[in-house]
Amino acid sequence: MDPINEAHVSEPGLVVVDVAAADDATALSFQQLLAERWATATAETTTRDAGEPGVRLRCYLDLRQPLDS
């Protein structure tokens, strides 16, 4: 994963979430659970590191903006 940009954590309540999962479906499902609760900038796809197991995904949350359930 690339380094975290300071702008993404410049204020309390802003969070960068790096997910490592066995497969795309698991990573994207976890991201969806986060997106149902908080304002989230979601990733469209996962990434794979050559020679490493599983997939990775990064998304950005704003915990200051809970979504109504």
PDB file of N, CA and C in Angstrom:
ATOM      1  N   MET A   1       0.829  -1.164   0.000  1.00  0.00           N
ATOM      2  CA  MET A   1       0.000   0.000   0.000  1.00  0.00           C
ATOM      3  C   MET A   1       0.887   1.246   0.000  1.00  0.00           C
ATOM      4  N   ASP A   2       0.363   2.289  -0.610  1.00  0.00           N
ATOM      5  CA  ASP A   2       1.056   3.568  -0.621  1.00  0.00           C
ATOM      6  C   ASP A   2       1.012   4.193   0.773  1.00  0.00           C
ATOM      7  N   PRO A   3       1.934   5.113   1.070  1.00  0.00           N
ATOM      8  CA  PRO A   3       1.878   5.816   2.353  1.00  0.00           C
ATOM      9  C   PRO A   3       0.562   6.584   2.482  1.00  0.00           C
ATOM     10  N   ILE A   4       0.145   6.820   3.712  1.00  0.00           N
ATOM     11  CA  ILE A   4      -1.081   7.571   3.976  1.00  0.00           C
ATOM     12  C   ILE A   4      -0.812   9.058   3.777  1.00  0.00           C
ATOM     13  N   ASN A   5      -1.681   9.714   3.033  1.00  0.00           N
ATOM     14  CA  ASN A   5      -1.585  11.144   2.786  1.00  0.00           C
ATOM     15  C   ASN A   5      -2.078  11.882   4.035  1.00  0.00           C
ATOM     16  N   GLU A   6      -1.307  12.870   4.501  1.00  0.00           N
ATOM     17  CA  GLU A   6      -1.676  13.612   5.711  1.00  0.00           C
ATOM     18  C   GLU A   6      -3.065  14.227   5.634  1.00  0.00           C
ATOM     19  N   ALA A   7      -3.519  14.599   4.453  1.00  0.00           N
ATOM     20  CA  ALA A   7      -4.839  15.214   4.305  1.00  0.00           C
ATOM     21  C   ALA A   7      -5.951  14.266   4.738  1.00  0.00           C
ATOM     22  N   HIS A   8      -5.723  12.959   4.614  1.00  0.00           N
ATOM     23  CA  HIS A   8      -6.757  11.991   4.953  1.00  0.00           C
ATOM     24  C   HIS A   8      -6.918  11.796   6.454  1.00  0.00           C
ATOM     25  N   VAL A   9      -5.976  12.291   7.252  1.00  0.00           N
ATOM     26  CA  VAL A   9      -6.077  12.180   8.711  1.00  0.00           C
ATOM     27  C   VAL A   9      -5.773  13.529   9.368  1.00  0.00           C
ATOM     28  N   SER A  10      -6.116  14.603   8.693  1.00  0.00           N
ATOM     29  CA  SER A  10      -5.763  15.943   9.157  1.00  0.00           C
ATOM     30  C   SER A  10      -6.610  16.436  10.332  1.00  0.00           C
ATOM     31  N   GLU A  11      -7.719  15.778  10.604  1.00  0.00           N
ATOM     32  CA  GLU A  11      -8.610  16.191  11.689  1.00  0.00           C
ATOM     33  C   GLU A  11      -9.069  14.968  12.467  1.00  0.00           C
ATOM     34  N   PRO A  12      -9.407  15.146  13.758  1.00  0.00           N
ATOM     35  CA  PRO A  12      -9.968  14.036  14.528  1.00  0.00           C
ATOM     36  C   PRO A  12     -11.241  13.520  13.856  1.00  0.00           C
ATOM     37  N   GLY A  13     -11.389  12.217  13.809  1.00  0.00           N
ATOM     38  CA  GLY A  13     -12.567  11.608  13.201  1.00  0.00           C
ATOM     39  C   GLY A  13     -12.352  11.122  11.792  1.00  0.00           C
ATOM     40  N   LEU A  14     -11.236  11.491  11.152  1.00  0.00           N
ATOM     41  CA  LEU A  14     -10.923  10.991   9.811  1.00  0.00           C
ATOM     42  C   LEU A  14     -10.053   9.755   9.953  1.00  0.00           C
ATOM     43  N   VAL A  15     -10.399   8.699   9.228  1.00  0.00           N
ATOM     44  CA  VAL A  15      -9.736   7.411   9.395  1.00  0.00           C
ATOM     45  C   VAL A  15      -9.384   6.819   8.042  1.00  0.00           C
ATOM     46  N   VAL A  16      -8.190   6.232   7.954  1.00  0.00           N
ATOM     47  CA  VAL A  16      -7.789   5.447   6.791  1.00  0.00           C
ATOM     48  C   VAL A  16      -7.823   3.989   7.230  1.00  0.00           C
ATOM     49  N   VAL A  17      -8.543   3.153   6.492  1.00  0.00           N
ATOM     50  CA  VAL A  17      -8.664   1.740   6.833  1.00  0.00           C
ATOM     51  C   VAL A  17      -7.997   0.914   5.737  1.00  0.00           C
ATOM     52  N   ASP A  18      -6.948   0.178   6.103  1.00  0.00           N
ATOM     53  CA  ASP A  18      -6.311  -0.760   5.191  1.00  0.00           C
ATOM     54  C   ASP A  18      -6.806  -2.151   5.554  1.00  0.00           C
ATOM     55  N   VAL A  19      -7.370  -2.844   4.580  1.00  0.00           N
ATOM     56  CA  VAL A  19      -7.943  -4.162   4.798  1.00  0.00           C
ATOM     57  C   VAL A  19      -7.095  -5.199   4.077  1.00  0.00           C
ATOM     58  N   ALA A  20      -6.779  -6.275   4.764  1.00  0.00           N
ATOM     59  CA  ALA A  20      -6.150  -7.439   4.149  1.00  0.00           C
ATOM     60  C   ALA A  20      -7.136  -8.587   4.318  1.00  0.00           C
ATOM     61  N   ALA A  21      -7.467  -9.262   3.225  1.00  0.00           N
ATOM     62  CA  ALA A  21      -8.466 -10.329   3.272  1.00  0.00           C
ATOM     63  C   ALA A  21      -8.056 -11.471   2.342  1.00  0.00           C
ATOM     64  N   ALA A  22      -8.694 -12.595   2.525  1.00  0.00           N
ATOM     65  CA  ALA A  22      -8.385 -13.770   1.712  1.00  0.00           C
ATOM     66  C   ALA A  22      -8.830 -13.596   0.269  1.00  0.00           C
ATOM     67  N   ASP A  23      -9.932 -12.840   0.046  1.00  0.00           N
ATOM     68  CA  ASP A  23     -10.454 -12.718  -1.313  1.00  0.00           C
ATOM     69  C   ASP A  23     -11.197 -11.399  -1.498  1.00  0.00           C
ATOM     70  N   ASP A  24     -11.523 -11.096  -2.745  1.00  0.00           N
ATOM     71  CA  ASP A  24     -12.214  -9.849  -3.079  1.00  0.00           C
ATOM     72  C   ASP A  24     -13.545  -9.721  -2.346  1.00  0.00           C
ATOM     73  N   ALA A  25     -14.324 -10.785  -2.355  1.00  0.00           N
ATOM     74  CA  ALA A  25     -15.660 -10.727  -1.759  1.00  0.00           C
ATOM     75  C   ALA A  25     -15.599 -10.355  -0.287  1.00  0.00           C
ATOM     76  N   THR A  26     -14.654 -10.899   0.443  1.00  0.00           N
ATOM     77  CA  THR A  26     -14.527 -10.604   1.866  1.00  0.00           C
ATOM     78  C   THR A  26     -14.135  -9.153   2.085  1.00  0.00           C
ATOM     79  N   ALA A  27     -13.142  -8.664   1.364  1.00  0.00           N
ATOM     80  CA  ALA A  27     -12.682  -7.283   1.517  1.00  0.00           C
ATOM     81  C   ALA A  27     -13.788  -6.298   1.152  1.00  0.00           C
ATOM     82  N   LEU A  28     -14.470  -6.530   0.052  1.00  0.00           N
ATOM     83  CA  LEU A  28     -15.525  -5.618  -0.388  1.00  0.00           C
ATOM     84  C   LEU A  28     -16.744  -5.676   0.537  1.00  0.00           C
ATOM     85  N   SER A  29     -17.041  -6.839   1.089  1.00  0.00           N
ATOM     86  CA  SER A  29     -18.148  -6.959   2.048  1.00  0.00           C
ATOM     87  C   SER A  29     -17.846  -6.180   3.326  1.00  0.00           C
ATOM     88  N   PHE A  30     -16.609  -6.273   3.797  1.00  0.00           N
ATOM     89  CA  PHE A  30     -16.219  -5.519   4.989  1.00  0.00           C
ATOM     90  C   PHE A  30     -16.336  -4.017   4.728  1.00  0.00           C
ATOM     91  N   GLN A  31     -15.850  -3.584   3.584  1.00  0.00           N
ATOM     92  CA  GLN A  31     -15.951  -2.171   3.212  1.00  0.00           C
ATOM     93  C   GLN A  31     -17.417  -1.727   3.183  1.00  0.00           C
ATOM     94  N   GLN A  32     -18.296  -2.557   2.657  1.00  0.00           N
ATOM     95  CA  GLN A  32     -19.721  -2.224   2.581  1.00  0.00           C
ATOM     96  C   GLN A  32     -20.317  -2.047   3.977  1.00  0.00           C
ATOM     97  N   LEU A  33     -19.897  -2.882   4.919  1.00  0.00           N
ATOM     98  CA  LEU A  33     -20.378  -2.735   6.296  1.00  0.00           C
ATOM     99  C   LEU A  33     -19.968  -1.381   6.879  1.00  0.00           C
ATOM    100  N   LEU A  34     -18.753  -0.956   6.600  1.00  0.00           N
ATOM    101  CA  LEU A  34     -18.298   0.358   7.062  1.00  0.00           C
ATOM    102  C   LEU A  34     -19.108   1.467   6.402  1.00  0.00           C
ATOM    103  N   ALA A  35     -19.341   1.331   5.095  1.00  0.00           N
ATOM    104  CA  ALA A  35     -20.046   2.360   4.326  1.00  0.00           C
ATOM    105  C   ALA A  35     -21.512   2.495   4.747  1.00  0.00           C
ATOM    106  N   GLU A  36     -22.078   1.451   5.324  1.00  0.00           N
ATOM    107  CA  GLU A  36     -23.459   1.519   5.795  1.00  0.00           C
ATOM    108  C   GLU A  36     -23.580   2.288   7.101  1.00  0.00           C
ATOM    109  N   ARG A  37     -22.462   2.517   7.774  1.00  0.00           N
ATOM    110  CA  ARG A  37     -22.495   3.169   9.079  1.00  0.00           C
ATOM    111  C   ARG A  37     -21.942   4.592   9.063  1.00  0.00           C
ATOM    112  N   TRP A  38     -20.894   4.832   8.270  1.00  0.00           N
ATOM    113  CA  TRP A  38     -20.236   6.139   8.239  1.00  0.00           C
ATOM    114  C   TRP A  38     -20.037   6.607   6.810  1.00  0.00           C
ATOM    115  N   ALA A  39     -19.855   7.919   6.655  1.00  0.00           N
ATOM    116  CA  ALA A  39     -19.503   8.484   5.353  1.00  0.00           C
ATOM    117  C   ALA A  39     -18.167   7.868   4.946  1.00  0.00           C
ATOM    118  N   THR A  40     -18.144   7.240   3.786  1.00  0.00           N
ATOM    119  CA  THR A  40     -16.973   6.463   3.374  1.00  0.00           C
ATOM    120  C   THR A  40     -16.639   6.707   1.914  1.00  0.00           C
ATOM    121  N   ALA A  41     -15.356   6.931   1.643  1.00  0.00           N
ATOM    122  CA  ALA A  41     -14.872   6.946   0.263  1.00  0.00           C
ATOM    123  C   ALA A  41     -14.413   5.521  -0.023  1.00  0.00           C
ATOM    124  N   THR A  42     -15.186   4.826  -0.829  1.00  0.00           N
ATOM    125  CA  THR A  42     -14.935   3.400  -1.044  1.00  0.00           C
ATOM    126  C   THR A  42     -13.997   3.153  -2.217  1.00  0.00           C
ATOM    127  N   ALA A  43     -13.387   1.978  -2.201  1.00  0.00           N
ATOM    128  CA  ALA A  43     -12.551   1.514  -3.309  1.00  0.00           C
ATOM    129  C   ALA A  43     -13.411   0.654  -4.225  1.00  0.00           C
ATOM    130  N   GLU A  44     -13.167   0.758  -5.501  1.00  0.00           N
ATOM    131  CA  GLU A  44     -13.922  -0.038  -6.481  1.00  0.00           C
ATOM    132  C   GLU A  44     -13.358  -1.458  -6.605  1.00  0.00           C
ATOM    133  N   THR A  45     -12.044  -1.580  -6.426  1.00  0.00           N
ATOM    134  CA  THR A  45     -11.386  -2.872  -6.606  1.00  0.00           C
ATOM    135  C   THR A  45     -10.354  -3.091  -5.502  1.00  0.00           C
ATOM    136  N   THR A  46      -9.934  -4.316  -5.380  1.00  0.00           N
ATOM    137  CA  THR A  46      -8.858  -4.663  -4.454  1.00  0.00           C
ATOM    138  C   THR A  46      -7.543  -4.719  -5.228  1.00  0.00           C
ATOM    139  N   THR A  47      -6.443  -4.816  -4.498  1.00  0.00           N
ATOM    140  CA  THR A  47      -5.141  -4.987  -5.138  1.00  0.00           C
ATOM    141  C   THR A  47      -4.499  -6.269  -4.621  1.00  0.00           C
ATOM    142  N   ARG A  48      -3.596  -6.779  -5.413  1.00  0.00           N
ATOM    143  CA  ARG A  48      -2.836  -7.974  -5.033  1.00  0.00           C
ATOM    144  C   ARG A  48      -1.354  -7.649  -5.107  1.00  0.00           C
ATOM    145  N   ASP A  49      -0.613  -8.109  -4.108  1.00  0.00           N
ATOM    146  CA  ASP A  49       0.834  -7.960  -4.117  1.00  0.00           C
ATOM    147  C   ASP A  49       1.436  -9.264  -4.618  1.00  0.00           C
ATOM    148  N   ALA A  50       2.271  -9.165  -5.644  1.00  0.00           N
ATOM    149  CA  ALA A  50       2.896 -10.362  -6.230  1.00  0.00           C
ATOM    150  C   ALA A  50       3.614 -11.165  -5.150  1.00  0.00           C
ATOM    151  N   GLY A  51       3.336 -12.439  -5.120  1.00  0.00           N
ATOM    152  CA  GLY A  51       3.979 -13.341  -4.178  1.00  0.00           C
ATOM    153  C   GLY A  51       3.384 -13.331  -2.780  1.00  0.00           C
ATOM    154  N   GLU A  52       2.377 -12.504  -2.548  1.00  0.00           N
ATOM    155  CA  GLU A  52       1.728 -12.430  -1.239  1.00  0.00           C
ATOM    156  C   GLU A  52       0.319 -13.019  -1.334  1.00  0.00           C
ATOM    157  N   PRO A  53      -0.137 -13.693  -0.286  1.00  0.00           N
ATOM    158  CA  PRO A  53      -1.496 -14.247  -0.321  1.00  0.00           C
ATOM    159  C   PRO A  53      -2.541 -13.156  -0.121  1.00  0.00           C
ATOM    160  N   GLY A  54      -3.733 -13.389  -0.610  1.00  0.00           N
ATOM    161  CA  GLY A  54      -4.857 -12.524  -0.349  1.00  0.00           C
ATOM    162  C   GLY A  54      -4.870 -11.231  -1.146  1.00  0.00           C
ATOM    163  N   VAL A  55      -5.757 -10.346  -0.733  1.00  0.00           N
ATOM    164  CA  VAL A  55      -5.964  -9.058  -1.406  1.00  0.00           C
ATOM    165  C   VAL A  55      -5.899  -7.941  -0.379  1.00  0.00           C
ATOM    166  N   ARG A  56      -5.743  -6.718  -0.889  1.00  0.00           N
ATOM    167  CA  ARG A  56      -5.716  -5.533  -0.032  1.00  0.00           C
ATOM    168  C   ARG A  56      -6.681  -4.493  -0.584  1.00  0.00           C
ATOM    169  N   LEU A  57      -7.164  -3.662   0.321  1.00  0.00           N
ATOM    170  CA  LEU A  57      -8.105  -2.614  -0.050  1.00  0.00           C
ATOM    171  C   LEU A  57      -7.916  -1.463   0.932  1.00  0.00           C
ATOM    172  N   ARG A  58      -8.013  -0.230   0.446  1.00  0.00           N
ATOM    173  CA  ARG A  58      -7.942   0.939   1.324  1.00  0.00           C
ATOM    174  C   ARG A  58      -9.199   1.771   1.122  1.00  0.00           C
ATOM    175  N   CYS A  59      -9.811   2.165   2.229  1.00  0.00           N
ATOM    176  CA  CYS A  59     -10.940   3.088   2.153  1.00  0.00           C
ATOM    177  C   CYS A  59     -10.776   4.153   3.230  1.00  0.00           C
ATOM    178  N   TYR A  60     -11.547   5.215   3.075  1.00  0.00           N
ATOM    179  CA  TYR A  60     -11.431   6.378   3.951  1.00  0.00           C
ATOM    180  C   TYR A  60     -12.777   6.642   4.605  1.00  0.00           C
ATOM    181  N   LEU A  61     -12.761   6.815   5.935  1.00  0.00           N
ATOM    182  CA  LEU A  61     -13.998   7.057   6.678  1.00  0.00           C
ATOM    183  C   LEU A  61     -13.963   8.404   7.362  1.00  0.00           C
ATOM    184  N   ASP A  62     -15.148   8.970   7.531  1.00  0.00           N
ATOM    185  CA  ASP A  62     -15.319  10.181   8.312  1.00  0.00           C
ATOM    186  C   ASP A  62     -16.264   9.822   9.451  1.00  0.00           C
ATOM    187  N   LEU A  63     -15.704   9.540  10.624  1.00  0.00           N
ATOM    188  CA  LEU A  63     -16.496   9.115  11.777  1.00  0.00           C
ATOM    189  C   LEU A  63     -17.356  10.249  12.328  1.00  0.00           C
ATOM    190  N   ARG A  64     -17.097  11.477  11.873  1.00  0.00           N
ATOM    191  CA  ARG A  64     -17.895  12.613  12.314  1.00  0.00           C
ATOM    192  C   ARG A  64     -19.263  12.618  11.641  1.00  0.00           C
ATOM    193  N   GLN A  65     -19.438  11.814  10.593  1.00  0.00           N
ATOM    194  CA  GLN A  65     -20.679  11.818   9.821  1.00  0.00           C
ATOM    195  C   GLN A  65     -21.336  10.437   9.849  1.00  0.00           C
ATOM    196  N   PRO A  66     -21.939  10.048  10.984  1.00  0.00           N
ATOM    197  CA  PRO A  66     -22.644   8.768  10.993  1.00  0.00           C
ATOM    198  C   PRO A  66     -23.860   8.838  10.074  1.00  0.00           C
ATOM    199  N   LEU A  67     -24.160   7.733   9.431  1.00  0.00           N
ATOM    200  CA  LEU A  67     -25.331   7.672   8.559  1.00  0.00           C
ATOM    201  C   LEU A  67     -26.532   7.208   9.382  1.00  0.00           C
ATOM    202  N   ASP A  68     -27.696   7.703   9.039  1.00  0.00           N
ATOM    203  CA  ASP A  68     -28.913   7.247   9.711  1.00  0.00           C
ATOM    204  C   ASP A  68     -29.180   5.822   9.306  1.00  0.00           C
ATOM    205  N   SER A  69     -29.609   5.006  10.283  1.00  0.00           N
ATOM    206  CA  SER A  69     -29.912   3.615   9.955  1.00  0.00           C
ATOM    207  C   SER A  69     -31.387   3.398   9.755  1.00  0.00           C
TER     208      SER A  69
END
